[in-house]
Amino acid sequence: MSIINIMRTDKALPENLESARDLLFGSLDGFNRDDKKAWRSFWKRLIGMEPGEMALVEAVMEFLREGHAARFLWRHLGDGADEMMESILSGFDE
C-alpha cells in the first residue's frame, strides 16, 4: 500500500478545468458504477481543497500482481513474463 500526502498549493487553478476532466475521465475511470462514483468524488474533493489543505491518500495497486500485468509489461518475453514478475516480486518478499 502506498500512502501519499498531497497539499494544495497557493497556485490558482484554471477557471476552465474541462480539458483536465476530459483527460482524467477519458483515460482513467472506475471499473464499475461505484468505482466511477468514487473516482469522480475523489477528483472533486482534490479540486475543492483550499491552499494549505492536505489530503492523505492510501492506494493499493493490486494490478501489478496479476498475470495480465506481467504479460502487458513484458510482451517481448511471451510465456516468460510470469516468471519475470515472480522473480521481481520475490525480491520484495511478496
Protein backbone atom coordinates (compact mmCIF):
# COMPACT_ATOMS: atom_id res chain seq x y z
CA MET A 1 0.00 0.00 0.00
CA SER A 2 1.24 3.45 -0.84
CA ILE A 3 0.45 6.44 1.33
CA ILE A 4 0.63 9.81 -0.37
CA ASN A 5 0.29 13.21 1.31
CA ILE A 6 -0.98 15.84 -1.09
CA MET A 7 -1.02 19.52 -0.20
CA ARG A 8 -2.90 22.17 -2.14
CA THR A 9 -0.51 24.95 -3.11
CA ASP A 10 -1.43 28.60 -3.41
CA LYS A 11 -1.22 28.48 -7.23
CA ALA A 12 -4.60 29.39 -8.68
CA LEU A 13 -6.43 26.68 -10.56
CA PRO A 14 -7.54 27.49 -14.10
CA GLU A 15 -11.13 28.63 -14.36
CA ASN A 16 -11.87 26.02 -17.00
CA LEU A 17 -10.93 22.51 -15.94
CA GLU A 18 -12.85 20.76 -18.73
CA SER A 19 -9.69 19.67 -20.54
CA ALA A 20 -8.29 18.16 -17.36
CA ARG A 21 -11.60 16.39 -16.66
CA ASP A 22 -11.73 15.07 -20.23
CA LEU A 23 -8.21 13.72 -19.88
CA LEU A 24 -8.74 12.14 -16.47
CA PHE A 25 -12.16 10.63 -17.01
CA GLY A 26 -11.46 9.74 -20.63
CA SER A 27 -8.26 7.83 -19.92
CA LEU A 28 -8.83 6.66 -16.33
CA ASP A 29 -12.15 5.50 -14.99
CA GLY A 30 -13.68 3.33 -12.33
CA PHE A 31 -14.31 -0.33 -13.04
CA ASN A 32 -17.99 -0.30 -12.08
CA ARG A 33 -20.59 2.30 -11.17
CA ASP A 34 -19.46 2.59 -7.52
CA ASP A 35 -15.82 2.91 -8.57
CA LYS A 36 -16.70 5.59 -11.12
CA LYS A 37 -18.64 7.50 -8.48
CA ALA A 38 -15.74 7.24 -6.01
CA TRP A 39 -13.21 8.36 -8.65
CA ARG A 40 -15.26 11.44 -9.51
CA SER A 41 -15.81 12.22 -5.83
CA PHE A 42 -12.07 11.93 -5.18
CA TRP A 43 -11.31 14.32 -8.04
CA LYS A 44 -13.96 16.79 -6.81
CA ARG A 45 -12.56 16.73 -3.27
CA LEU A 46 -9.00 17.35 -4.51
CA ILE A 47 -10.05 20.26 -6.69
CA GLY A 48 -12.09 21.72 -3.82
CA MET A 49 -9.15 21.84 -1.42
CA GLU A 50 -8.10 25.24 -0.11
CA PRO A 51 -4.46 26.39 -0.26
CA GLY A 52 -2.50 24.73 2.54
CA GLU A 53 -5.09 21.99 2.99
CA MET A 54 -3.73 18.46 2.90
CA ALA A 55 -5.13 15.12 1.85
CA LEU A 56 -3.81 11.71 2.85
CA VAL A 57 -4.35 9.16 0.10
CA GLU A 58 -3.89 5.42 0.58
CA ALA A 59 -3.65 3.36 -2.59
CA VAL A 60 -3.40 -0.36 -3.16
CA MET A 61 -2.02 -1.11 -6.60
CA GLU A 62 -3.01 -4.76 -6.90
CA PHE A 63 -2.86 -4.83 -10.69
CA LEU A 64 0.91 -5.29 -10.53
CA ARG A 65 0.43 -8.72 -9.01
CA GLU A 66 -1.86 -10.15 -11.64
CA GLY A 67 -0.77 -12.24 -14.58
CA HIS A 68 -2.24 -9.72 -17.00
CA ALA A 69 0.19 -7.07 -15.79
CA ALA A 70 3.20 -9.31 -16.40
CA ARG A 71 2.11 -10.09 -19.95
CA PHE A 72 1.40 -6.40 -20.56
CA LEU A 73 4.69 -5.12 -19.13
CA TRP A 74 6.94 -7.68 -20.79
CA ARG A 75 5.22 -8.63 -24.04
CA HIS A 76 8.56 -9.46 -25.64
CA LEU A 77 9.08 -12.28 -23.08
CA GLY A 78 5.96 -14.16 -24.15
CA ASP A 79 5.40 -17.08 -21.77
CA GLY A 80 8.40 -15.96 -19.68
CA ALA A 81 6.59 -12.82 -18.49
CA ASP A 82 5.02 -14.56 -15.48
CA GLU A 83 8.43 -15.88 -14.42
CA MET A 84 9.88 -12.37 -14.69
CA MET A 85 7.10 -10.98 -12.49
CA GLU A 86 7.65 -13.69 -9.88
CA SER A 87 11.40 -13.04 -9.78
CA ILE A 88 10.84 -9.30 -9.26
CA LEU A 89 8.17 -9.71 -6.58
CA SER A 90 10.27 -12.29 -4.72
CA GLY A 91 12.81 -9.50 -4.17
CA PHE A 92 10.15 -7.70 -2.15
CA ASP A 93 9.23 -10.82 -0.16
CA GLU A 94 5.74 -10.84 -1.66
